[in-house]
């Protein structure tokens, strides 16, 4: 059974990417590399938690240092 989440914990990949200044396409690349772990809600819609935004932030910071 999937864990229950509150609306405050849930965002789309666009919201998570925007929160860290990353494009949606770049966020999708990192999701495809399995660096993010989106959950699923009805209709197979993916959702992202604060942990995913934090991971995107760490990725963006590391890429900025290169």
Protein backbone atom coordinates (compact mmCIF):
# COMPACT_ATOMS: atom_id res chain seq x y z
CA UNK A 1 0.00 0.00 0.00
CA UNK A 2 1.33 3.45 -0.95
CA UNK A 3 2.15 5.85 1.82
CA UNK A 4 -0.40 8.59 2.38
CA UNK A 5 0.84 12.10 1.74
CA UNK A 6 -0.60 15.50 2.39
CA UNK A 7 -1.00 18.07 -0.41
CA UNK A 8 1.74 20.17 1.21
CA UNK A 9 4.25 17.35 0.70
CA UNK A 10 3.39 16.87 -2.97
CA UNK A 11 4.54 18.77 -6.02
CA UNK A 12 5.04 18.19 -9.71
CA UNK A 13 8.48 17.88 -11.27
CA UNK A 14 8.01 21.43 -12.59
CA UNK A 15 7.45 22.83 -9.09
CA UNK A 16 10.39 20.88 -7.67
CA UNK A 17 12.67 22.03 -10.51
CA UNK A 18 11.52 25.65 -10.30
CA UNK A 19 12.18 25.65 -6.56
CA UNK A 20 15.88 25.13 -7.25
CA UNK A 21 16.22 27.05 -10.52
CA UNK A 22 16.50 23.98 -12.75
CA UNK A 23 14.66 23.31 -15.99
CA UNK A 24 11.99 20.64 -16.06
CA UNK A 25 13.93 18.79 -18.77
CA UNK A 26 17.07 18.67 -16.62
CA UNK A 27 15.01 17.43 -13.68
CA UNK A 28 13.55 14.69 -15.88
CA UNK A 29 17.08 13.61 -16.83
CA UNK A 30 18.00 13.24 -13.16
CA UNK A 31 14.76 11.36 -12.53
CA UNK A 32 15.57 8.99 -15.42
CA UNK A 33 18.97 8.37 -13.79
CA UNK A 34 16.97 7.34 -10.70
CA UNK A 35 18.42 10.14 -8.57
CA UNK A 36 14.85 11.13 -7.65
CA UNK A 37 12.22 8.81 -6.26
CA UNK A 38 8.80 10.13 -7.26
CA UNK A 39 5.72 8.62 -5.74
CA UNK A 40 2.56 7.81 -7.65
CA UNK A 41 -1.01 8.88 -7.09
CA UNK A 42 -4.19 7.85 -8.89
CA UNK A 43 -3.92 7.81 -12.63
CA UNK A 44 -0.16 7.15 -12.47
CA UNK A 45 0.56 10.84 -11.82
CA UNK A 46 4.02 11.24 -10.32
CA UNK A 47 4.59 13.46 -7.32
CA UNK A 48 7.75 14.68 -5.71
CA UNK A 49 8.45 15.33 -2.05
CA UNK A 50 10.72 17.83 -0.36
CA UNK A 51 13.52 15.23 -0.48
CA UNK A 52 13.45 15.32 -4.29
CA UNK A 53 13.72 19.12 -4.30
CA UNK A 54 16.64 18.84 -1.88
CA UNK A 55 18.34 16.34 -4.20
CA UNK A 56 17.81 18.64 -7.19
CA UNK A 57 19.28 21.50 -5.15
CA UNK A 58 22.40 19.45 -4.34
CA UNK A 59 22.76 18.47 -8.02
CA UNK A 60 22.38 22.10 -9.15
CA UNK A 61 24.99 23.25 -6.60
CA UNK A 62 27.48 20.62 -7.71
CA UNK A 63 26.95 21.43 -11.39
CA UNK A 64 27.45 25.14 -10.65
CA UNK A 65 30.85 24.38 -9.07
CA UNK A 66 32.13 22.62 -12.17
